[in-house]
N, C-alpha and C. Protein backbone atom coordinates (compact mmCIF):
# COMPACT_ATOMS: atom_id res chain seq x y z
N MET A 1 0.85 -1.17 0.00
CA MET A 1 0.00 0.00 0.00
C MET A 1 0.90 1.23 0.00
N GLN A 2 0.58 2.16 -0.86
CA GLN A 2 1.36 3.39 -0.96
C GLN A 2 1.13 4.25 0.28
N VAL A 3 2.19 4.87 0.77
CA VAL A 3 2.11 5.75 1.93
C VAL A 3 2.46 7.17 1.48
N VAL A 4 1.60 8.12 1.85
CA VAL A 4 1.87 9.52 1.55
C VAL A 4 1.67 10.35 2.80
N SER A 5 2.32 11.48 2.84
CA SER A 5 2.16 12.39 3.98
C SER A 5 0.85 13.17 3.82
N LEU A 6 0.37 13.71 4.90
CA LEU A 6 -0.86 14.49 4.86
C LEU A 6 -0.73 15.72 3.95
N PRO A 7 0.35 16.48 4.04
CA PRO A 7 0.49 17.62 3.12
C PRO A 7 0.51 17.18 1.64
N GLU A 8 1.18 16.07 1.36
CA GLU A 8 1.20 15.56 -0.01
C GLU A 8 -0.20 15.16 -0.45
N ALA A 9 -0.96 14.53 0.43
CA ALA A 9 -2.33 14.14 0.11
C ALA A 9 -3.21 15.36 -0.14
N GLN A 10 -3.02 16.39 0.68
CA GLN A 10 -3.81 17.61 0.51
C GLN A 10 -3.50 18.30 -0.81
N ASN A 11 -2.24 18.27 -1.20
CA ASN A 11 -1.83 18.94 -2.44
C ASN A 11 -2.17 18.12 -3.69
N ASN A 12 -2.36 16.82 -3.54
CA ASN A 12 -2.55 15.95 -4.70
C ASN A 12 -3.79 15.07 -4.56
N LEU A 13 -4.82 15.57 -3.93
CA LEU A 13 -5.98 14.75 -3.64
C LEU A 13 -6.60 14.16 -4.91
N ASP A 14 -6.73 14.95 -5.96
CA ASP A 14 -7.30 14.44 -7.21
C ASP A 14 -6.50 13.25 -7.75
N THR A 15 -5.20 13.38 -7.75
CA THR A 15 -4.32 12.32 -8.25
C THR A 15 -4.43 11.07 -7.38
N ILE A 16 -4.47 11.27 -6.07
CA ILE A 16 -4.57 10.14 -5.14
C ILE A 16 -5.89 9.40 -5.33
N LEU A 17 -6.99 10.14 -5.43
CA LEU A 17 -8.29 9.51 -5.62
C LEU A 17 -8.36 8.77 -6.95
N ASP A 18 -7.79 9.36 -7.99
CA ASP A 18 -7.74 8.68 -9.29
C ASP A 18 -6.94 7.38 -9.18
N SER A 19 -5.84 7.43 -8.46
CA SER A 19 -4.99 6.25 -8.29
C SER A 19 -5.73 5.14 -7.56
N VAL A 20 -6.43 5.49 -6.50
CA VAL A 20 -7.20 4.50 -5.74
C VAL A 20 -8.25 3.86 -6.64
N TYR A 21 -8.94 4.69 -7.40
CA TYR A 21 -10.03 4.19 -8.26
C TYR A 21 -9.48 3.37 -9.44
N LEU A 22 -8.50 3.90 -10.15
CA LEU A 22 -8.02 3.25 -11.37
C LEU A 22 -7.16 2.02 -11.10
N GLU A 23 -6.35 2.07 -10.05
CA GLU A 23 -5.44 0.96 -9.75
C GLU A 23 -6.05 -0.02 -8.75
N ASN A 24 -7.21 0.33 -8.20
CA ASN A 24 -7.89 -0.53 -7.23
C ASN A 24 -6.99 -0.90 -6.06
N LYS A 25 -6.23 0.09 -5.58
CA LYS A 25 -5.32 -0.10 -4.45
C LYS A 25 -5.54 1.00 -3.44
N GLY A 26 -5.33 0.68 -2.18
CA GLY A 26 -5.49 1.65 -1.12
C GLY A 26 -4.30 2.57 -0.98
N ILE A 27 -4.53 3.69 -0.32
CA ILE A 27 -3.49 4.67 -0.02
C ILE A 27 -3.53 4.91 1.49
N PHE A 28 -2.37 4.89 2.11
CA PHE A 28 -2.23 5.15 3.53
C PHE A 28 -1.69 6.58 3.69
N ILE A 29 -2.41 7.41 4.43
CA ILE A 29 -2.00 8.79 4.65
C ILE A 29 -1.55 8.96 6.09
N GLN A 30 -0.32 9.43 6.26
CA GLN A 30 0.25 9.64 7.59
C GLN A 30 0.22 11.12 7.91
N GLY A 31 -0.50 11.49 8.96
CA GLY A 31 -0.61 12.89 9.35
C GLY A 31 0.57 13.37 10.16
N ASN A 32 0.56 14.64 10.47
CA ASN A 32 1.66 15.27 11.20
C ASN A 32 1.73 14.82 12.65
N ASN A 33 0.59 14.55 13.27
CA ASN A 33 0.55 14.17 14.68
C ASN A 33 0.15 12.71 14.84
N ASN A 34 0.68 11.86 13.98
CA ASN A 34 0.40 10.42 13.98
C ASN A 34 -1.03 10.07 13.61
N GLU A 35 -1.76 11.02 13.00
CA GLU A 35 -3.07 10.64 12.48
C GLU A 35 -2.85 9.68 11.32
N GLN A 36 -3.72 8.71 11.21
CA GLN A 36 -3.59 7.72 10.15
C GLN A 36 -4.92 7.58 9.43
N ILE A 37 -4.87 7.67 8.11
CA ILE A 37 -6.06 7.59 7.29
C ILE A 37 -5.78 6.60 6.17
N VAL A 38 -6.77 5.79 5.85
CA VAL A 38 -6.65 4.88 4.72
C VAL A 38 -7.80 5.17 3.76
N ILE A 39 -7.46 5.30 2.49
CA ILE A 39 -8.46 5.47 1.45
C ILE A 39 -8.41 4.19 0.61
N ILE A 40 -9.55 3.51 0.54
CA ILE A 40 -9.61 2.26 -0.21
C ILE A 40 -10.75 2.33 -1.23
N PRO A 41 -10.67 1.51 -2.27
CA PRO A 41 -11.77 1.47 -3.24
C PRO A 41 -13.06 1.00 -2.58
N TYR A 42 -14.17 1.45 -3.12
CA TYR A 42 -15.48 1.16 -2.54
C TYR A 42 -15.74 -0.35 -2.46
N GLU A 43 -15.35 -1.11 -3.45
CA GLU A 43 -15.58 -2.56 -3.43
C GLU A 43 -14.85 -3.21 -2.26
N GLN A 44 -13.64 -2.76 -1.97
CA GLN A 44 -12.91 -3.29 -0.81
C GLN A 44 -13.62 -2.90 0.49
N TYR A 45 -14.13 -1.68 0.54
CA TYR A 45 -14.88 -1.23 1.71
C TYR A 45 -16.11 -2.11 1.93
N LYS A 46 -16.86 -2.38 0.86
CA LYS A 46 -18.06 -3.21 0.99
C LYS A 46 -17.69 -4.60 1.49
N THR A 47 -16.60 -5.15 1.01
CA THR A 47 -16.16 -6.47 1.45
C THR A 47 -15.82 -6.45 2.94
N LEU A 48 -15.10 -5.44 3.36
CA LEU A 48 -14.76 -5.33 4.79
C LEU A 48 -16.01 -5.19 5.64
N ARG A 49 -16.97 -4.41 5.20
CA ARG A 49 -18.22 -4.25 5.95
C ARG A 49 -18.95 -5.58 6.08
N GLN A 50 -18.95 -6.38 5.02
CA GLN A 50 -19.63 -7.68 5.08
C GLN A 50 -18.92 -8.62 6.03
N VAL A 51 -17.62 -8.65 5.95
CA VAL A 51 -16.84 -9.58 6.78
C VAL A 51 -16.98 -9.24 8.26
N TYR A 52 -16.99 -7.96 8.59
CA TYR A 52 -17.00 -7.56 9.99
C TYR A 52 -18.36 -7.13 10.51
N SER A 53 -19.40 -7.35 9.74
CA SER A 53 -20.73 -6.96 10.20
C SER A 53 -21.25 -7.97 11.22
N CYS A 54 -22.15 -7.53 12.06
CA CYS A 54 -22.75 -8.42 13.06
C CYS A 54 -23.54 -9.53 12.39
N ASP A 55 -24.18 -9.22 11.28
CA ASP A 55 -24.95 -10.25 10.59
C ASP A 55 -24.06 -11.40 10.17
N HIS A 56 -22.90 -11.08 9.65
CA HIS A 56 -21.98 -12.13 9.22
C HIS A 56 -21.52 -12.96 10.42
N ILE A 57 -21.21 -12.28 11.50
CA ILE A 57 -20.73 -12.99 12.70
C ILE A 57 -21.82 -13.91 13.25
N GLU A 58 -23.04 -13.43 13.31
CA GLU A 58 -24.13 -14.26 13.82
C GLU A 58 -24.40 -15.45 12.90
N LYS A 59 -24.29 -15.26 11.61
CA LYS A 59 -24.54 -16.35 10.67
C LYS A 59 -23.50 -17.45 10.80
N THR A 60 -22.29 -17.08 11.23
CA THR A 60 -21.24 -18.09 11.37
C THR A 60 -21.29 -18.77 12.74
N GLY A 61 -22.21 -18.32 13.60
CA GLY A 61 -22.34 -18.95 14.91
C GLY A 61 -21.42 -18.37 15.95
N PHE A 62 -20.71 -17.33 15.62
CA PHE A 62 -19.79 -16.69 16.55
C PHE A 62 -20.45 -15.43 17.07
N HIS A 63 -21.13 -15.52 18.18
CA HIS A 63 -21.81 -14.36 18.74
C HIS A 63 -21.65 -14.33 20.24
N SER A 64 -22.02 -13.23 20.84
CA SER A 64 -21.75 -13.01 22.25
C SER A 64 -22.40 -14.03 23.16
N GLN A 65 -23.53 -14.59 22.80
CA GLN A 65 -24.20 -15.56 23.65
C GLN A 65 -23.34 -16.80 23.89
N SER A 66 -22.48 -17.13 22.93
CA SER A 66 -21.64 -18.31 23.11
C SER A 66 -20.62 -18.10 24.23
N PHE A 67 -20.28 -16.85 24.52
CA PHE A 67 -19.33 -16.58 25.58
C PHE A 67 -19.99 -16.60 26.96
N VAL A 68 -21.27 -16.31 27.01
CA VAL A 68 -21.98 -16.28 28.28
C VAL A 68 -21.97 -17.65 28.93
N LYS A 69 -22.08 -18.70 28.15
CA LYS A 69 -22.16 -20.07 28.66
C LYS A 69 -20.79 -20.72 28.78
N ASP A 70 -19.75 -19.99 28.50
CA ASP A 70 -18.41 -20.54 28.49
C ASP A 70 -17.88 -20.66 29.91
N ASP A 71 -17.48 -21.87 30.33
CA ASP A 71 -16.95 -22.10 31.68
C ASP A 71 -15.42 -22.09 31.73
N GLU A 72 -14.79 -21.80 30.62
CA GLU A 72 -13.32 -21.81 30.55
C GLU A 72 -12.75 -20.71 31.47
N ASP A 73 -11.65 -21.03 32.16
CA ASP A 73 -10.97 -20.07 33.01
C ASP A 73 -9.92 -19.35 32.17
N TYR A 74 -10.18 -18.10 31.81
CA TYR A 74 -9.27 -17.35 30.96
C TYR A 74 -8.29 -16.51 31.77
N SER A 75 -8.35 -16.58 33.08
CA SER A 75 -7.45 -15.77 33.91
C SER A 75 -6.00 -16.19 33.75
N LYS A 76 -5.75 -17.43 33.33
CA LYS A 76 -4.36 -17.90 33.15
C LYS A 76 -3.73 -17.31 31.89
N TRP A 77 -4.53 -16.77 31.02
CA TRP A 77 -4.01 -16.20 29.78
C TRP A 77 -3.46 -14.87 30.09
């Protein structure tokens, strides 16, 4: 993933957005005070939303109720 500084991103936003869209690759923007921004293509965003949505988690059987009944002692971890 390409990394650019915040001032560079501000000065070249059109070029950066074109690059994300045309090359279908994300851009990582590093701010002056350790702010971090990622710009990704919309299709990648939709995929991430699906993977990490609650609906997806519940459909796979991995939901909070399974932890309520868990008798495992995790204090040793």
